Amino acid sequence: MSKNDLDTQTERMLDAAMDGLTPHQALIKASLADAANVAERAAAKEKNRERALKLLAAIEKSQAKAD
């Protein structure tokens, strides 16, 4: 395989991996996805915190009944 063929094949593979986006567009897409992931993690933390507080309240309530 010649260097030119290899370069062409590499360029095609890179284009396919980037879904036809320019490098700038791919960077923006990745940045937006990361920001969305941060928001999802924050929401999950809050939900877990609420569950933990409910569980703690239930435990305290059951211990109070046992006393």
C-alpha atoms as a PDB file:
ATOM      1  CA  MET A   1       0.000   0.000   0.000  1.00  0.00           C
ATOM      2  CA  SER A   2       1.455   3.338  -0.961  1.00  0.00           C
ATOM      3  CA  LYS A   3       1.773   6.225   1.462  1.00  0.00           C
ATOM      4  CA  ASN A   4      -0.864   8.162  -0.491  1.00  0.00           C
ATOM      5  CA  ASP A   5      -3.313   5.237  -0.238  1.00  0.00           C
ATOM      6  CA  LEU A   6      -2.599   4.925   3.460  1.00  0.00           C
ATOM      7  CA  ASP A   7      -3.168   8.653   3.977  1.00  0.00           C
ATOM      8  CA  THR A   8      -6.443   8.474   2.068  1.00  0.00           C
ATOM      9  CA  GLN A   9      -7.613   5.464   4.043  1.00  0.00           C
ATOM     10  CA  THR A  10      -6.631   7.130   7.319  1.00  0.00           C
ATOM     11  CA  GLU A  11      -8.507  10.276   6.355  1.00  0.00           C
ATOM     12  CA  ARG A  12     -11.636   8.241   5.536  1.00  0.00           C
ATOM     13  CA  MET A  13     -11.440   6.410   8.851  1.00  0.00           C
ATOM     14  CA  LEU A  14     -11.038   9.697  10.712  1.00  0.00           C
ATOM     15  CA  ASP A  15     -14.009  11.218   8.886  1.00  0.00           C
ATOM     16  CA  ALA A  16     -16.118   8.166   9.711  1.00  0.00           C
ATOM     17  CA  ALA A  17     -15.107   8.311  13.370  1.00  0.00           C
ATOM     18  CA  MET A  18     -16.048  11.981  13.564  1.00  0.00           C
ATOM     19  CA  ASP A  19     -19.488  11.400  11.977  1.00  0.00           C
ATOM     20  CA  GLY A  20     -18.645  13.834   9.209  1.00  0.00           C
ATOM     21  CA  LEU A  21     -18.158  16.701  11.667  1.00  0.00           C
ATOM     22  CA  THR A  22     -15.333  19.169  11.458  1.00  0.00           C
ATOM     23  CA  PRO A  23     -12.806  18.985  14.302  1.00  0.00           C
ATOM     24  CA  HIS A  24     -14.350  22.137  15.785  1.00  0.00           C
ATOM     25  CA  GLN A  25     -17.857  20.662  15.626  1.00  0.00           C
ATOM     26  CA  ALA A  26     -16.648  17.387  17.150  1.00  0.00           C
ATOM     27  CA  LEU A  27     -15.036  19.308  20.016  1.00  0.00           C
ATOM     28  CA  ILE A  28     -18.240  21.257  20.660  1.00  0.00           C
ATOM     29  CA  LYS A  29     -20.300  18.055  20.547  1.00  0.00           C
ATOM     30  CA  ALA A  30     -17.967  16.377  23.047  1.00  0.00           C
ATOM     31  CA  SER A  31     -18.051  19.426  25.301  1.00  0.00           C
ATOM     32  CA  LEU A  32     -21.860  19.529  25.280  1.00  0.00           C
ATOM     33  CA  ALA A  33     -22.034  15.808  26.018  1.00  0.00           C
ATOM     34  CA  ASP A  34     -19.650  16.270  28.936  1.00  0.00           C
ATOM     35  CA  ALA A  35     -21.737  19.151  30.287  1.00  0.00           C
ATOM     36  CA  ALA A  36     -24.877  17.017  30.041  1.00  0.00           C
ATOM     37  CA  ASN A  37     -23.073  14.232  31.867  1.00  0.00           C
ATOM     38  CA  VAL A  38     -22.161  16.633  34.676  1.00  0.00           C
ATOM     39  CA  ALA A  39     -25.805  17.655  34.980  1.00  0.00           C
ATOM     40  CA  GLU A  40     -26.907  14.004  35.054  1.00  0.00           C
ATOM     41  CA  ARG A  41     -24.389  13.202  37.784  1.00  0.00           C
ATOM     42  CA  ALA A  42     -25.560  16.189  39.846  1.00  0.00           C
ATOM     43  CA  ALA A  43     -29.172  15.050  39.509  1.00  0.00           C
ATOM     44  CA  ALA A  44     -28.203  11.506  40.507  1.00  0.00           C
ATOM     45  CA  LYS A  45     -26.331  12.813  43.558  1.00  0.00           C
ATOM     46  CA  GLU A  46     -29.364  14.799  44.654  1.00  0.00           C
ATOM     47  CA  LYS A  47     -31.673  11.827  44.164  1.00  0.00           C
ATOM     48  CA  ASN A  48     -29.314   9.586  46.150  1.00  0.00           C
ATOM     49  CA  ARG A  49     -29.123  12.224  48.897  1.00  0.00           C
ATOM     50  CA  GLU A  50     -32.922  12.329  49.134  1.00  0.00           C
ATOM     51  CA  ARG A  51     -33.082   8.534  49.322  1.00  0.00           C
ATOM     52  CA  ALA A  52     -30.411   8.467  52.029  1.00  0.00           C
ATOM     53  CA  LEU A  53     -32.285  11.055  54.091  1.00  0.00           C
ATOM     54  CA  LYS A  54     -35.522   9.056  53.796  1.00  0.00           C
ATOM     55  CA  LEU A  55     -33.704   5.887  54.816  1.00  0.00           C
ATOM     56  CA  LEU A  56     -32.090   7.636  57.770  1.00  0.00           C
ATOM     57  CA  ALA A  57     -35.473   8.974  58.875  1.00  0.00           C
ATOM     58  CA  ALA A  58     -36.973   5.482  58.642  1.00  0.00           C
ATOM     59  CA  ILE A  59     -34.103   4.013  60.661  1.00  0.00           C
ATOM     60  CA  GLU A  60     -34.416   6.703  63.334  1.00  0.00           C
ATOM     61  CA  LYS A  61     -38.171   6.163  63.463  1.00  0.00           C
ATOM     62  CA  SER A  62     -37.780   2.405  63.884  1.00  0.00           C
ATOM     63  CA  GLN A  63     -35.165   2.887  66.608  1.00  0.00           C
ATOM     64  CA  ALA A  64     -37.434   5.302  68.444  1.00  0.00           C
ATOM     65  CA  LYS A  65     -40.226   2.705  68.437  1.00  0.00           C
ATOM     66  CA  ALA A  66     -37.828   0.067  69.783  1.00  0.00           C
ATOM     67  CA  ASP A  67     -36.892   2.257  72.766  1.00  0.00           C
END
